[in-house]
Amino acid sequence: MHALKARVRNGRLVLDEPTSLPEGTEVVLVPANDEDDEMTDEERAELDAAILEGLDDVDAGRSVDAEAAIARLRARP
């Protein structure tokens, strides 16, 4: 799943594109406000690139289920 973008229209949040989330799914929305973080433009660009790389990895099947990863870590001596 990728991040969803929405805009406020007439006091309501309207998604910019359709979603495949099931009816009734609860989502938490956090306003995107670059002024609230303490990242430099360079740090923000590096973060954005890392996020995109991670999404590409997931799309290519190069990911591990979080529960499986935790189970593997707990099984280590």
N, C-alpha and C. Protein backbone atom coordinates (compact mmCIF):
# COMPACT_ATOMS: atom_id res chain seq x y z
N MET A 1 0.85 -1.17 0.00
CA MET A 1 0.00 0.00 0.00
C MET A 1 0.89 1.23 0.00
N HIS A 2 0.50 2.21 -0.76
CA HIS A 2 1.25 3.46 -0.81
C HIS A 2 0.51 4.53 -0.02
N ALA A 3 1.18 5.62 0.24
CA ALA A 3 0.56 6.72 0.97
C ALA A 3 -0.59 7.29 0.15
N LEU A 4 -1.61 7.71 0.84
CA LEU A 4 -2.77 8.31 0.18
C LEU A 4 -2.69 9.82 0.32
N LYS A 5 -3.07 10.54 -0.72
CA LYS A 5 -3.10 11.99 -0.67
C LYS A 5 -4.56 12.44 -0.69
N ALA A 6 -4.85 13.42 0.13
CA ALA A 6 -6.20 13.97 0.18
C ALA A 6 -6.10 15.48 0.31
N ARG A 7 -7.19 16.12 -0.03
CA ARG A 7 -7.27 17.58 0.09
C ARG A 7 -8.56 17.92 0.86
N VAL A 8 -8.55 19.05 1.52
CA VAL A 8 -9.75 19.50 2.22
C VAL A 8 -10.62 20.26 1.23
N ARG A 9 -11.87 19.80 1.10
CA ARG A 9 -12.85 20.47 0.24
C ARG A 9 -14.15 20.60 1.04
N ASN A 10 -14.58 21.84 1.24
CA ASN A 10 -15.81 22.09 2.01
C ASN A 10 -15.76 21.42 3.38
N GLY A 11 -14.60 21.46 4.03
CA GLY A 11 -14.46 20.90 5.36
C GLY A 11 -14.34 19.40 5.42
N ARG A 12 -14.27 18.75 4.27
CA ARG A 12 -14.15 17.29 4.21
C ARG A 12 -12.83 16.91 3.56
N LEU A 13 -12.28 15.77 3.96
CA LEU A 13 -11.08 15.25 3.32
C LEU A 13 -11.50 14.40 2.13
N VAL A 14 -10.98 14.74 0.96
CA VAL A 14 -11.32 14.03 -0.27
C VAL A 14 -10.03 13.46 -0.85
N LEU A 15 -10.01 12.14 -1.05
CA LEU A 15 -8.83 11.50 -1.63
C LEU A 15 -8.63 11.96 -3.06
N ASP A 16 -7.36 12.09 -3.45
CA ASP A 16 -7.03 12.50 -4.82
C ASP A 16 -7.24 11.37 -5.82
N GLU A 17 -7.29 10.12 -5.34
CA GLU A 17 -7.45 8.97 -6.24
C GLU A 17 -8.23 7.89 -5.50
N PRO A 18 -8.83 6.96 -6.23
CA PRO A 18 -9.57 5.88 -5.58
C PRO A 18 -8.65 5.02 -4.71
N THR A 19 -9.24 4.34 -3.75
CA THR A 19 -8.49 3.45 -2.88
C THR A 19 -9.16 2.08 -2.85
N SER A 20 -8.37 1.07 -2.58
CA SER A 20 -8.91 -0.29 -2.49
C SER A 20 -9.16 -0.69 -1.03
N LEU A 21 -9.07 0.26 -0.12
CA LEU A 21 -9.32 -0.06 1.28
C LEU A 21 -10.76 -0.52 1.46
N PRO A 22 -10.99 -1.51 2.31
CA PRO A 22 -12.35 -1.98 2.54
C PRO A 22 -13.22 -0.89 3.18
N GLU A 23 -14.50 -0.94 2.89
CA GLU A 23 -15.46 0.00 3.46
C GLU A 23 -15.36 -0.06 4.98
N GLY A 24 -15.32 1.10 5.62
CA GLY A 24 -15.26 1.17 7.07
C GLY A 24 -13.86 1.15 7.65
N THR A 25 -12.84 1.04 6.80
CA THR A 25 -11.46 1.04 7.29
C THR A 25 -11.16 2.38 7.94
N GLU A 26 -10.60 2.33 9.14
CA GLU A 26 -10.21 3.55 9.83
C GLU A 26 -8.81 3.94 9.41
N VAL A 27 -8.61 5.20 9.10
CA VAL A 27 -7.29 5.71 8.74
C VAL A 27 -6.96 6.89 9.64
N VAL A 28 -5.68 7.09 9.88
CA VAL A 28 -5.22 8.23 10.67
C VAL A 28 -4.56 9.20 9.71
N LEU A 29 -4.99 10.43 9.74
CA LEU A 29 -4.46 11.45 8.84
C LEU A 29 -3.60 12.42 9.62
N VAL A 30 -2.43 12.71 9.08
CA VAL A 30 -1.53 13.68 9.68
C VAL A 30 -1.24 14.73 8.62
N PRO A 31 -1.57 15.99 8.87
CA PRO A 31 -1.33 17.02 7.86
C PRO A 31 0.14 17.09 7.47
N ALA A 32 0.38 17.20 6.19
CA ALA A 32 1.75 17.36 5.69
C ALA A 32 2.10 18.84 5.82
N ASN A 33 3.09 19.11 6.66
CA ASN A 33 3.48 20.48 6.89
C ASN A 33 5.00 20.50 7.06
N ASP A 34 5.68 20.90 6.02
CA ASP A 34 7.14 20.91 6.05
C ASP A 34 7.71 21.84 7.12
N GLU A 35 6.92 22.80 7.58
CA GLU A 35 7.43 23.75 8.56
C GLU A 35 7.58 23.13 9.94
N ASP A 36 6.88 22.01 10.20
CA ASP A 36 6.90 21.41 11.53
C ASP A 36 8.09 20.49 11.77
N ASP A 37 8.75 20.04 10.71
CA ASP A 37 9.89 19.16 10.94
C ASP A 37 11.18 19.97 10.96
N GLU A 38 12.22 19.35 11.44
CA GLU A 38 13.50 20.05 11.58
C GLU A 38 14.51 19.55 10.56
N MET A 39 14.04 19.00 9.45
CA MET A 39 14.93 18.46 8.43
C MET A 39 15.34 19.54 7.45
N THR A 40 16.58 19.43 7.00
CA THR A 40 17.04 20.33 5.95
C THR A 40 16.47 19.83 4.62
N ASP A 41 16.56 20.65 3.59
CA ASP A 41 16.10 20.23 2.27
C ASP A 41 16.85 18.99 1.80
N GLU A 42 18.15 18.93 2.11
CA GLU A 42 18.97 17.77 1.72
C GLU A 42 18.51 16.51 2.46
N GLU A 43 18.27 16.64 3.77
CA GLU A 43 17.80 15.50 4.54
C GLU A 43 16.43 15.03 4.05
N ARG A 44 15.56 15.97 3.72
CA ARG A 44 14.23 15.63 3.21
C ARG A 44 14.35 14.88 1.89
N ALA A 45 15.24 15.34 1.00
CA ALA A 45 15.44 14.68 -0.30
C ALA A 45 15.97 13.27 -0.10
N GLU A 46 16.91 13.09 0.84
CA GLU A 46 17.45 11.76 1.13
C GLU A 46 16.37 10.83 1.68
N LEU A 47 15.54 11.36 2.56
CA LEU A 47 14.44 10.56 3.12
C LEU A 47 13.45 10.16 2.03
N ASP A 48 13.07 11.11 1.20
CA ASP A 48 12.14 10.81 0.11
C ASP A 48 12.71 9.74 -0.82
N ALA A 49 14.00 9.83 -1.13
CA ALA A 49 14.63 8.84 -2.00
C ALA A 49 14.65 7.46 -1.33
N ALA A 50 14.92 7.42 -0.03
CA ALA A 50 14.95 6.15 0.69
C ALA A 50 13.56 5.52 0.75
N ILE A 51 12.55 6.35 0.93
CA ILE A 51 11.17 5.84 0.96
C ILE A 51 10.80 5.26 -0.40
N LEU A 52 11.12 5.97 -1.46
CA LEU A 52 10.82 5.47 -2.81
C LEU A 52 11.56 4.18 -3.09
N GLU A 53 12.82 4.09 -2.65
CA GLU A 53 13.59 2.86 -2.83
C GLU A 53 12.93 1.70 -2.08
N GLY A 54 12.48 1.97 -0.87
CA GLY A 54 11.80 0.93 -0.10
C GLY A 54 10.51 0.47 -0.75
N LEU A 55 9.74 1.41 -1.29
CA LEU A 55 8.51 1.05 -1.99
C LEU A 55 8.81 0.21 -3.23
N ASP A 56 9.88 0.56 -3.94
CA ASP A 56 10.29 -0.24 -5.10
C ASP A 56 10.66 -1.66 -4.67
N ASP A 57 11.35 -1.78 -3.52
CA ASP A 57 11.70 -3.10 -3.01
C ASP A 57 10.45 -3.93 -2.71
N VAL A 58 9.47 -3.31 -2.08
CA VAL A 58 8.22 -4.01 -1.78
C VAL A 58 7.54 -4.45 -3.07
N ASP A 59 7.45 -3.54 -4.03
CA ASP A 59 6.82 -3.87 -5.32
C ASP A 59 7.53 -5.02 -6.02
N ALA A 60 8.85 -5.12 -5.84
CA ALA A 60 9.64 -6.17 -6.49
C ALA A 60 9.69 -7.46 -5.67
N GLY A 61 8.99 -7.47 -4.54
CA GLY A 61 8.97 -8.67 -3.71
C GLY A 61 10.17 -8.81 -2.80
N ARG A 62 10.95 -7.75 -2.65
CA ARG A 62 12.13 -7.79 -1.79
C ARG A 62 11.79 -7.23 -0.41
N SER A 63 10.87 -7.91 0.26
CA SER A 63 10.48 -7.47 1.59
C SER A 63 10.17 -8.69 2.45
N VAL A 64 10.11 -8.48 3.74
CA VAL A 64 9.82 -9.55 4.68
C VAL A 64 8.66 -9.08 5.56
N ASP A 65 7.72 -9.97 5.79
CA ASP A 65 6.61 -9.67 6.68
C ASP A 65 7.16 -9.32 8.07
N ALA A 66 6.66 -8.27 8.68
CA ALA A 66 7.18 -7.81 9.97
C ALA A 66 7.05 -8.89 11.04
N GLU A 67 5.92 -9.58 11.09
CA GLU A 67 5.75 -10.62 12.10
C GLU A 67 6.75 -11.75 11.90
N ALA A 68 7.00 -12.11 10.65
CA ALA A 68 7.98 -13.17 10.36
C ALA A 68 9.38 -12.72 10.77
N ALA A 69 9.72 -11.46 10.51
CA ALA A 69 11.04 -10.95 10.88
C ALA A 69 11.21 -10.95 12.39
N ILE A 70 10.19 -10.54 13.11
CA ILE A 70 10.27 -10.52 14.58
C ILE A 70 10.40 -11.94 15.11
N ALA A 71 9.65 -12.87 14.53
CA ALA A 71 9.75 -14.28 14.96
C ALA A 71 11.16 -14.81 14.74
N ARG A 72 11.76 -14.47 13.60
CA ARG A 72 13.13 -14.91 13.32
C ARG A 72 14.11 -14.32 14.34
N LEU A 73 13.93 -13.06 14.68
CA LEU A 73 14.82 -12.43 15.66
C LEU A 73 14.67 -13.07 17.04
N ARG A 74 13.44 -13.35 17.42
CA ARG A 74 13.21 -13.97 18.73
C ARG A 74 13.74 -15.39 18.80
N ALA A 75 13.81 -16.06 17.66
CA ALA A 75 14.29 -17.45 17.63
C ALA A 75 15.81 -17.54 17.71
N ARG A 76 16.49 -16.42 17.55
CA ARG A 76 17.95 -16.44 17.61
C ARG A 76 18.41 -16.69 19.04
N PRO A 77 19.53 -17.44 19.16
CA PRO A 77 20.07 -17.71 20.52
C PRO A 77 20.68 -16.47 21.14
